[in-house]
Amino acid sequence: MPLKKQWFINIAMIFLTWSSLPFLGKRNIKRFLPASILIVLIEGIHVQFGKKRKWWIFYNKPKSYLTGEFPFNIGPHLVGSMWILKWTYGNFKAFILLNAVVDAIFTFPLIHFLKKLKVVRLVRFSNLEFFFYIFYKAFLLYGFQYLFETKNK
């Protein structure tokens, strides 16, 4: 895929997810943003390990975090975390189930679609391994939110 198309996809992905924030509500953004940022920062650290070990590769500029993983982290991952917390926080089973569904959609059909578009492909990860790689962070996200909630009481 040409770099211009990848930039377009990256910008569109960030814009579309961020444009949903007004519907989330100011109070919910303020409530769920700290835990979501923390999980995105942890993912940013994990990405460095993944790049080094070639768990995945981006076709254009494969060593660039800015054109590769960053748009996914500050777009769907950050905003999606806040939405999932809004819909399910307080009901751990629903939270885990919704995270599993969203992560499965991302891991299986969406990764396949992104590979066809020549954006990214998994190299040393199977789809199932990648699913567990992103899914375990749901437990961290819920734990961080729980800590923020109990600290602010």
N, C-alpha and C. Protein backbone atom coordinates (compact mmCIF):
# COMPACT_ATOMS: atom_id res chain seq x y z
N MET A 1 0.85 -1.17 0.00
CA MET A 1 0.00 0.00 0.00
C MET A 1 0.89 1.23 0.00
N PRO A 2 0.56 2.18 -0.82
CA PRO A 2 1.34 3.43 -0.83
C PRO A 2 1.26 4.14 0.51
N LEU A 3 2.33 4.83 0.84
CA LEU A 3 2.41 5.51 2.13
C LEU A 3 1.30 6.54 2.30
N LYS A 4 0.92 7.22 1.22
CA LYS A 4 -0.16 8.21 1.31
C LYS A 4 -1.48 7.56 1.73
N LYS A 5 -1.75 6.37 1.20
CA LYS A 5 -2.98 5.66 1.58
C LYS A 5 -2.92 5.25 3.05
N GLN A 6 -1.74 4.80 3.49
CA GLN A 6 -1.62 4.40 4.89
C GLN A 6 -1.82 5.60 5.80
N TRP A 7 -1.27 6.74 5.44
CA TRP A 7 -1.49 7.96 6.22
C TRP A 7 -2.97 8.30 6.26
N PHE A 8 -3.65 8.17 5.13
CA PHE A 8 -5.08 8.44 5.08
C PHE A 8 -5.84 7.50 6.01
N ILE A 9 -5.52 6.22 5.97
CA ILE A 9 -6.17 5.25 6.85
C ILE A 9 -5.90 5.60 8.31
N ASN A 10 -4.65 5.92 8.64
CA ASN A 10 -4.29 6.27 10.01
C ASN A 10 -5.06 7.50 10.50
N ILE A 11 -5.10 8.53 9.68
CA ILE A 11 -5.79 9.76 10.08
C ILE A 11 -7.29 9.51 10.20
N ALA A 12 -7.85 8.77 9.25
CA ALA A 12 -9.28 8.46 9.30
C ALA A 12 -9.62 7.64 10.54
N MET A 13 -8.77 6.67 10.87
CA MET A 13 -9.00 5.83 12.04
C MET A 13 -9.00 6.67 13.33
N ILE A 14 -8.05 7.57 13.44
CA ILE A 14 -7.97 8.44 14.62
C ILE A 14 -9.16 9.39 14.65
N PHE A 15 -9.45 10.03 13.52
CA PHE A 15 -10.54 11.01 13.46
C PHE A 15 -11.88 10.35 13.78
N LEU A 16 -12.15 9.19 13.21
CA LEU A 16 -13.44 8.53 13.43
C LEU A 16 -13.62 8.14 14.90
N THR A 17 -12.58 7.61 15.50
CA THR A 17 -12.73 7.20 16.90
C THR A 17 -12.84 8.41 17.81
N TRP A 18 -12.03 9.43 17.57
CA TRP A 18 -12.07 10.62 18.42
C TRP A 18 -13.37 11.40 18.22
N SER A 19 -13.97 11.30 17.06
CA SER A 19 -15.22 12.02 16.83
C SER A 19 -16.38 11.43 17.64
N SER A 20 -16.19 10.26 18.20
CA SER A 20 -17.23 9.67 19.04
C SER A 20 -17.16 10.17 20.48
N LEU A 21 -16.09 10.86 20.85
CA LEU A 21 -15.93 11.29 22.24
C LEU A 21 -17.04 12.21 22.76
N PRO A 22 -17.56 13.14 21.96
CA PRO A 22 -18.66 13.96 22.50
C PRO A 22 -19.86 13.13 22.97
N PHE A 23 -20.07 11.98 22.36
CA PHE A 23 -21.18 11.10 22.75
C PHE A 23 -20.87 10.34 24.04
N LEU A 24 -19.60 10.25 24.38
CA LEU A 24 -19.19 9.59 25.61
C LEU A 24 -19.54 10.44 26.83
N GLY A 25 -19.47 11.73 26.68
CA GLY A 25 -19.81 12.64 27.78
C GLY A 25 -18.57 13.08 28.54
N LYS A 26 -18.58 14.34 28.92
CA LYS A 26 -17.43 14.95 29.60
C LYS A 26 -17.10 14.22 30.91
N ARG A 27 -18.13 13.89 31.67
CA ARG A 27 -17.93 13.22 32.96
C ARG A 27 -17.28 11.86 32.78
N ASN A 28 -17.74 11.10 31.76
CA ASN A 28 -17.17 9.77 31.51
C ASN A 28 -15.75 9.86 30.97
N ILE A 29 -15.48 10.85 30.15
CA ILE A 29 -14.12 11.03 29.64
C ILE A 29 -13.19 11.29 30.81
N LYS A 30 -13.59 12.20 31.67
CA LYS A 30 -12.77 12.54 32.85
C LYS A 30 -12.59 11.32 33.76
N ARG A 31 -13.62 10.51 33.87
CA ARG A 31 -13.58 9.34 34.75
C ARG A 31 -12.70 8.22 34.20
N PHE A 32 -12.80 7.95 32.89
CA PHE A 32 -12.14 6.78 32.32
C PHE A 32 -10.84 7.07 31.58
N LEU A 33 -10.52 8.34 31.35
CA LEU A 33 -9.31 8.68 30.61
C LEU A 33 -8.01 8.25 31.30
N PRO A 34 -7.85 8.45 32.62
CA PRO A 34 -6.57 8.06 33.23
C PRO A 34 -6.22 6.58 33.04
N ALA A 35 -7.16 5.69 33.28
CA ALA A 35 -6.89 4.25 33.12
C ALA A 35 -6.62 3.91 31.66
N SER A 36 -7.36 4.56 30.77
CA SER A 36 -7.17 4.31 29.33
C SER A 36 -5.81 4.79 28.86
N ILE A 37 -5.39 5.95 29.34
CA ILE A 37 -4.05 6.44 28.97
C ILE A 37 -2.98 5.51 29.52
N LEU A 38 -3.15 5.06 30.73
CA LEU A 38 -2.16 4.16 31.34
C LEU A 38 -2.03 2.87 30.54
N ILE A 39 -3.13 2.31 30.09
CA ILE A 39 -3.07 1.07 29.33
C ILE A 39 -2.46 1.31 27.96
N VAL A 40 -2.69 2.48 27.37
CA VAL A 40 -2.07 2.81 26.08
C VAL A 40 -0.56 3.00 26.25
N LEU A 41 -0.14 3.58 27.36
CA LEU A 41 1.30 3.71 27.62
C LEU A 41 1.97 2.34 27.78
N ILE A 42 1.29 1.45 28.49
CA ILE A 42 1.82 0.09 28.64
C ILE A 42 1.90 -0.59 27.28
N GLU A 43 0.88 -0.41 26.47
CA GLU A 43 0.89 -0.98 25.12
C GLU A 43 2.03 -0.40 24.30
N GLY A 44 2.31 0.89 24.46
CA GLY A 44 3.43 1.52 23.76
C GLY A 44 4.76 0.88 24.12
N ILE A 45 4.91 0.48 25.37
CA ILE A 45 6.13 -0.23 25.81
C ILE A 45 6.15 -1.63 25.22
N HIS A 46 5.02 -2.32 25.27
CA HIS A 46 4.95 -3.69 24.72
C HIS A 46 5.23 -3.71 23.22
N VAL A 47 4.81 -2.66 22.53
CA VAL A 47 5.03 -2.57 21.09
C VAL A 47 6.52 -2.64 20.77
N GLN A 48 7.33 -2.05 21.62
CA GLN A 48 8.78 -2.06 21.37
C GLN A 48 9.32 -3.50 21.40
N PHE A 49 8.79 -4.30 22.32
CA PHE A 49 9.18 -5.72 22.36
C PHE A 49 8.69 -6.44 21.11
N GLY A 50 7.46 -6.15 20.74
CA GLY A 50 6.87 -6.80 19.56
C GLY A 50 7.62 -6.47 18.28
N LYS A 51 8.04 -5.23 18.15
CA LYS A 51 8.82 -4.83 16.97
C LYS A 51 10.16 -5.55 16.94
N LYS A 52 10.81 -5.57 18.10
CA LYS A 52 12.13 -6.21 18.18
C LYS A 52 12.06 -7.70 17.86
N ARG A 53 11.01 -8.34 18.32
CA ARG A 53 10.85 -9.78 18.12
C ARG A 53 10.09 -10.12 16.84
N LYS A 54 9.73 -9.10 16.08
CA LYS A 54 9.01 -9.25 14.81
C LYS A 54 7.75 -10.09 14.95
N TRP A 55 6.94 -9.73 15.95
CA TRP A 55 5.65 -10.38 16.13
C TRP A 55 4.71 -9.97 15.02
N TRP A 56 4.90 -8.77 14.49
CA TRP A 56 4.12 -8.24 13.37
C TRP A 56 5.03 -7.31 12.60
N ILE A 57 4.59 -6.92 11.43
CA ILE A 57 5.35 -5.97 10.64
C ILE A 57 4.39 -5.09 9.85
N PHE A 58 4.67 -3.82 9.83
CA PHE A 58 3.93 -2.88 9.01
C PHE A 58 4.66 -2.78 7.68
N TYR A 59 3.92 -2.80 6.60
CA TYR A 59 4.52 -2.83 5.28
C TYR A 59 5.28 -1.56 4.96
N ASN A 60 4.69 -0.39 5.24
CA ASN A 60 5.36 0.88 4.97
C ASN A 60 6.08 1.33 6.23
N LYS A 61 7.32 1.66 6.10
CA LYS A 61 8.12 2.12 7.24
C LYS A 61 7.98 1.16 8.43
N PRO A 62 8.42 -0.06 8.30
CA PRO A 62 8.18 -1.06 9.35
C PRO A 62 8.80 -0.72 10.71
N LYS A 63 9.77 0.15 10.75
CA LYS A 63 10.39 0.49 12.03
C LYS A 63 9.78 1.75 12.67
N SER A 64 8.83 2.37 11.99
CA SER A 64 8.26 3.62 12.47
C SER A 64 7.05 3.36 13.36
N TYR A 65 7.16 3.73 14.61
CA TYR A 65 6.03 3.63 15.54
C TYR A 65 4.95 4.64 15.17
N LEU A 66 5.36 5.81 14.68
CA LEU A 66 4.42 6.88 14.37
C LEU A 66 3.45 6.51 13.26
N THR A 67 3.92 5.83 12.22
CA THR A 67 3.03 5.45 11.13
C THR A 67 2.49 4.04 11.30
N GLY A 68 3.00 3.30 12.26
CA GLY A 68 2.56 1.93 12.48
C GLY A 68 1.55 1.80 13.60
N GLU A 69 2.04 1.54 14.79
CA GLU A 69 1.17 1.22 15.93
C GLU A 69 0.53 2.45 16.58
N PHE A 70 1.18 3.58 16.52
CA PHE A 70 0.69 4.78 17.21
C PHE A 70 -0.75 5.14 16.87
N PRO A 71 -1.13 5.17 15.60
CA PRO A 71 -2.54 5.50 15.29
C PRO A 71 -3.53 4.51 15.90
N PHE A 72 -3.15 3.24 15.97
CA PHE A 72 -4.03 2.24 16.59
C PHE A 72 -4.14 2.50 18.09
N ASN A 73 -3.01 2.89 18.70
CA ASN A 73 -3.01 3.11 20.15
C ASN A 73 -3.79 4.35 20.56
N ILE A 74 -3.59 5.47 19.86
CA ILE A 74 -4.28 6.69 20.28
C ILE A 74 -5.67 6.81 19.68
N GLY A 75 -5.98 5.95 18.74
CA GLY A 75 -7.31 5.96 18.14
C GLY A 75 -8.20 4.91 18.77
N PRO A 76 -8.35 3.77 18.10
CA PRO A 76 -9.28 2.75 18.59
C PRO A 76 -8.98 2.22 19.99
N HIS A 77 -7.70 2.07 20.33
CA HIS A 77 -7.38 1.49 21.64
C HIS A 77 -7.74 2.45 22.77
N LEU A 78 -7.33 3.69 22.67
CA LEU A 78 -7.60 4.66 23.72
C LEU A 78 -9.10 4.95 23.85
N VAL A 79 -9.71 5.32 22.75
CA VAL A 79 -11.12 5.69 22.78
C VAL A 79 -12.00 4.46 23.04
N GLY A 80 -11.64 3.34 22.43
CA GLY A 80 -12.39 2.10 22.65
C GLY A 80 -12.36 1.66 24.11
N SER A 81 -11.21 1.85 24.76
CA SER A 81 -11.12 1.50 26.18
C SER A 81 -12.08 2.32 27.02
N MET A 82 -12.19 3.61 26.70
CA MET A 82 -13.12 4.45 27.45
C MET A 82 -14.57 4.04 27.21
N TRP A 83 -14.91 3.71 25.97
CA TRP A 83 -16.28 3.28 25.67
C TRP A 83 -16.61 1.97 26.37
N ILE A 84 -15.69 1.03 26.33
CA ILE A 84 -15.94 -0.27 26.98
C ILE A 84 -16.10 -0.08 28.48
N LEU A 85 -15.26 0.77 29.08
CA LEU A 85 -15.42 1.04 30.51
C LEU A 85 -16.77 1.71 30.80
N LYS A 86 -17.17 2.63 29.96
CA LYS A 86 -18.46 3.32 30.17
C LYS A 86 -19.61 2.31 30.15
N TRP A 87 -19.59 1.43 29.17
CA TRP A 87 -20.70 0.49 29.01
C TRP A 87 -20.72 -0.61 30.06
N THR A 88 -19.56 -1.00 30.57
CA THR A 88 -19.53 -2.22 31.38
C THR A 88 -18.89 -2.09 32.75
N TYR A 89 -18.28 -0.94 33.09
CA TYR A 89 -17.60 -0.87 34.38
C TYR A 89 -18.59 -1.10 35.51
N GLY A 90 -18.19 -1.95 36.42
CA GLY A 90 -19.07 -2.35 37.52
C GLY A 90 -19.63 -3.74 37.33
N ASN A 91 -19.53 -4.26 36.12
CA ASN A 91 -19.96 -5.62 35.80
C ASN A 91 -18.79 -6.32 35.11
N PHE A 92 -17.95 -6.95 35.91
CA PHE A 92 -16.70 -7.51 35.40
C PHE A 92 -16.93 -8.56 34.31
N LYS A 93 -17.94 -9.39 34.48
CA LYS A 93 -18.21 -10.41 33.46
C LYS A 93 -18.56 -9.77 32.12
N ALA A 94 -19.40 -8.75 32.14
CA ALA A 94 -19.76 -8.06 30.90
C ALA A 94 -18.54 -7.36 30.30
N PHE A 95 -17.71 -6.79 31.16
CA PHE A 95 -16.49 -6.12 30.71
C PHE A 95 -15.57 -7.09 29.97
N ILE A 96 -15.33 -8.24 30.58
CA ILE A 96 -14.44 -9.24 29.97
C ILE A 96 -15.06 -9.79 28.69
N LEU A 97 -16.34 -10.05 28.70
CA LEU A 97 -17.01 -10.58 27.51
C LEU A 97 -16.94 -9.57 26.35
N LEU A 98 -17.25 -8.31 26.63
CA LEU A 98 -17.20 -7.30 25.56
C LEU A 98 -15.77 -7.12 25.05
N ASN A 99 -14.79 -7.12 25.94
CA ASN A 99 -13.39 -7.03 25.51
C ASN A 99 -13.01 -8.21 24.65
N ALA A 100 -13.44 -9.40 25.04
CA ALA A 100 -13.12 -10.59 24.25
C ALA A 100 -13.71 -10.49 22.85
N VAL A 101 -14.95 -10.02 22.75
CA VAL A 101 -15.61 -9.89 21.44
C VAL A 101 -14.88 -8.86 20.59
N VAL A 102 -14.61 -7.68 21.16
CA VAL A 102 -13.94 -6.62 20.40
C VAL A 102 -12.54 -7.06 19.99
N ASP A 103 -11.79 -7.67 20.90
CA ASP A 103 -10.43 -8.14 20.57
C ASP A 103 -10.47 -9.25 19.53
N ALA A 104 -11.47 -10.12 19.58
CA ALA A 104 -11.59 -11.18 18.58
C ALA A 104 -11.90 -10.60 17.20
N ILE A 105 -12.76 -9.59 17.16
CA ILE A 105 -13.06 -8.94 15.87
C ILE A 105 -11.80 -8.30 15.31
N PHE A 106 -11.04 -7.63 16.17
CA PHE A 106 -9.80 -7.00 15.72
C PHE A 106 -8.78 -8.04 15.28
N THR A 107 -8.66 -9.10 16.06
CA THR A 107 -7.62 -10.11 15.82
C THR A 107 -7.87 -10.95 14.58
N PHE A 108 -9.09 -11.34 14.36
CA PHE A 108 -9.32 -12.27 13.26
C PHE A 108 -9.74 -11.57 11.97
N PRO A 109 -10.94 -11.05 11.84
CA PRO A 109 -11.28 -10.47 10.53
C PRO A 109 -10.53 -9.17 10.22
N LEU A 110 -10.34 -8.30 11.21
CA LEU A 110 -9.73 -7.00 10.90
C LEU A 110 -8.24 -7.14 10.55
N ILE A 111 -7.52 -7.96 11.27
CA ILE A 111 -6.10 -8.17 10.94
C ILE A 111 -5.98 -8.79 9.55
N HIS A 112 -6.86 -9.71 9.23
CA HIS A 112 -6.87 -10.31 7.88
C HIS A 112 -7.12 -9.22 6.82
N PHE A 113 -8.07 -8.34 7.08
CA PHE A 113 -8.38 -7.24 6.17
C PHE A 113 -7.19 -6.29 6.03
N LEU A 114 -6.54 -5.96 7.14
CA LEU A 114 -5.38 -5.06 7.10
C LEU A 114 -4.20 -5.71 6.37
N LYS A 115 -4.11 -7.02 6.45
CA LYS A 115 -3.07 -7.73 5.69
C LYS A 115 -3.36 -7.63 4.19
N LYS A 116 -4.61 -7.80 3.80
CA LYS A 116 -4.99 -7.68 2.39
C LYS A 116 -4.73 -6.27 1.86
N LEU A 117 -4.93 -5.26 2.72
CA LEU A 117 -4.66 -3.88 2.33
C LEU A 117 -3.16 -3.55 2.34
N LYS A 118 -2.38 -4.50 2.83
CA LYS A 118 -0.93 -4.34 2.97
C LYS A 118 -0.59 -3.21 3.96
N VAL A 119 -1.27 -3.23 5.09
CA VAL A 119 -0.97 -2.30 6.17
C VAL A 119 -0.08 -3.00 7.18
N VAL A 120 -0.53 -4.15 7.69
CA VAL A 120 0.20 -4.88 8.72
C VAL A 120 -0.08 -6.37 8.55
N ARG A 121 0.86 -7.17 9.00
CA ARG A 121 0.64 -8.62 9.04
C ARG A 121 1.35 -9.19 10.25
N LEU A 122 0.81 -10.27 10.74
CA LEU A 122 1.44 -10.98 11.85
C LEU A 122 2.57 -11.83 11.30
N VAL A 123 3.70 -11.87 11.99
CA VAL A 123 4.85 -12.64 11.52
C VAL A 123 5.11 -13.81 12.46
N ARG A 124 5.44 -13.51 13.69
CA ARG A 124 5.77 -14.57 14.65
C ARG A 124 4.67 -14.80 15.68
N PHE A 125 3.52 -14.33 15.38
CA PHE A 125 2.33 -14.53 16.20
C PHE A 125 1.27 -15.16 15.33
N SER A 126 0.61 -16.16 15.88
CA SER A 126 -0.61 -16.63 15.22
C SER A 126 -1.72 -15.66 15.62
N ASN A 127 -2.85 -15.75 14.96
CA ASN A 127 -3.96 -14.88 15.33
C ASN A 127 -4.40 -15.13 16.78
N LEU A 128 -4.39 -16.40 17.20
CA LEU A 128 -4.80 -16.72 18.56
C LEU A 128 -3.81 -16.14 19.58
N GLU A 129 -2.53 -16.25 19.31
CA GLU A 129 -1.52 -15.67 20.21
C GLU A 129 -1.68 -14.15 20.27
N PHE A 130 -1.95 -13.53 19.14
CA PHE A 130 -2.16 -12.09 19.11
C PHE A 130 -3.40 -11.71 19.90
N PHE A 131 -4.44 -12.52 19.80
CA PHE A 131 -5.65 -12.28 20.59
C PHE A 131 -5.31 -12.24 22.08
N PHE A 132 -4.57 -13.23 22.56
CA PHE A 132 -4.22 -13.25 23.98
C PHE A 132 -3.29 -12.09 24.35
N TYR A 133 -2.43 -11.70 23.42
CA TYR A 133 -1.53 -10.56 23.63
C TYR A 133 -2.32 -9.28 23.89
N ILE A 134 -3.40 -9.07 23.15
CA ILE A 134 -4.17 -7.84 23.39
C ILE A 134 -5.24 -8.04 24.47
N PHE A 135 -5.75 -9.25 24.61
CA PHE A 135 -6.84 -9.49 25.55
C PHE A 135 -6.40 -9.39 27.01
N TYR A 136 -5.20 -9.82 27.34
CA TYR A 136 -4.80 -9.81 28.75
C TYR A 136 -4.76 -8.37 29.31
N LYS A 137 -4.61 -7.40 28.43
CA LYS A 137 -4.57 -6.01 28.89
C LYS A 137 -5.93 -5.55 29.40
N ALA A 138 -6.99 -6.26 29.07
CA ALA A 138 -8.31 -5.92 29.60
C ALA A 138 -8.32 -6.03 31.12
N PHE A 139 -7.65 -7.03 31.64
CA PHE A 139 -7.58 -7.22 33.09
C PHE A 139 -6.83 -6.05 33.74
N LEU A 140 -5.76 -5.61 33.09
CA LEU A 140 -5.01 -4.45 33.59
C LEU A 140 -5.87 -3.20 33.55
N LEU A 141 -6.58 -2.99 32.45
CA LEU A 141 -7.44 -1.82 32.31
C LEU A 141 -8.48 -1.77 33.43
N TYR A 142 -9.15 -2.88 33.66
CA TYR A 142 -10.17 -2.92 34.71
C TYR A 142 -9.54 -2.69 36.08
N GLY A 143 -8.37 -3.29 36.29
CA GLY A 143 -7.66 -3.09 37.56
C GLY A 143 -7.26 -1.65 37.78
N PHE A 144 -6.76 -0.99 36.74
CA PHE A 144 -6.39 0.42 36.86
C PHE A 144 -7.63 1.26 37.18
N GLN A 145 -8.71 0.99 36.48
CA GLN A 145 -9.93 1.76 36.72
C GLN A 145 -10.43 1.54 38.14
N TYR A 146 -10.35 0.31 38.60
CA TYR A 146 -10.77 0.00 39.97
C TYR A 146 -9.92 0.79 40.97
N LEU A 147 -8.60 0.83 40.73
CA LEU A 147 -7.73 1.59 41.63
C LEU A 147 -8.07 3.08 41.60
N PHE A 148 -8.31 3.63 40.43
CA PHE A 148 -8.68 5.05 40.34
C PHE A 148 -10.01 5.31 41.04
N GLU A 149 -10.94 4.39 40.89
CA GLU A 149 -12.26 4.57 41.51
C GLU A 149 -12.16 4.52 43.04
N THR A 150 -11.40 3.56 43.57
CA THR A 150 -11.30 3.43 45.02
C THR A 150 -10.47 4.57 45.62
N LYS A 151 -9.50 5.06 44.86
CA LYS A 151 -8.66 6.17 45.35
C LYS A 151 -9.47 7.46 45.44
N ASN A 152 -10.40 7.65 44.53
CA ASN A 152 -11.17 8.88 44.47
C ASN A 152 -12.43 8.86 45.34
N LYS A 153 -12.64 7.80 46.08
CA LYS A 153 -13.85 7.73 46.96
C LYS A 153 -13.60 8.46 48.25
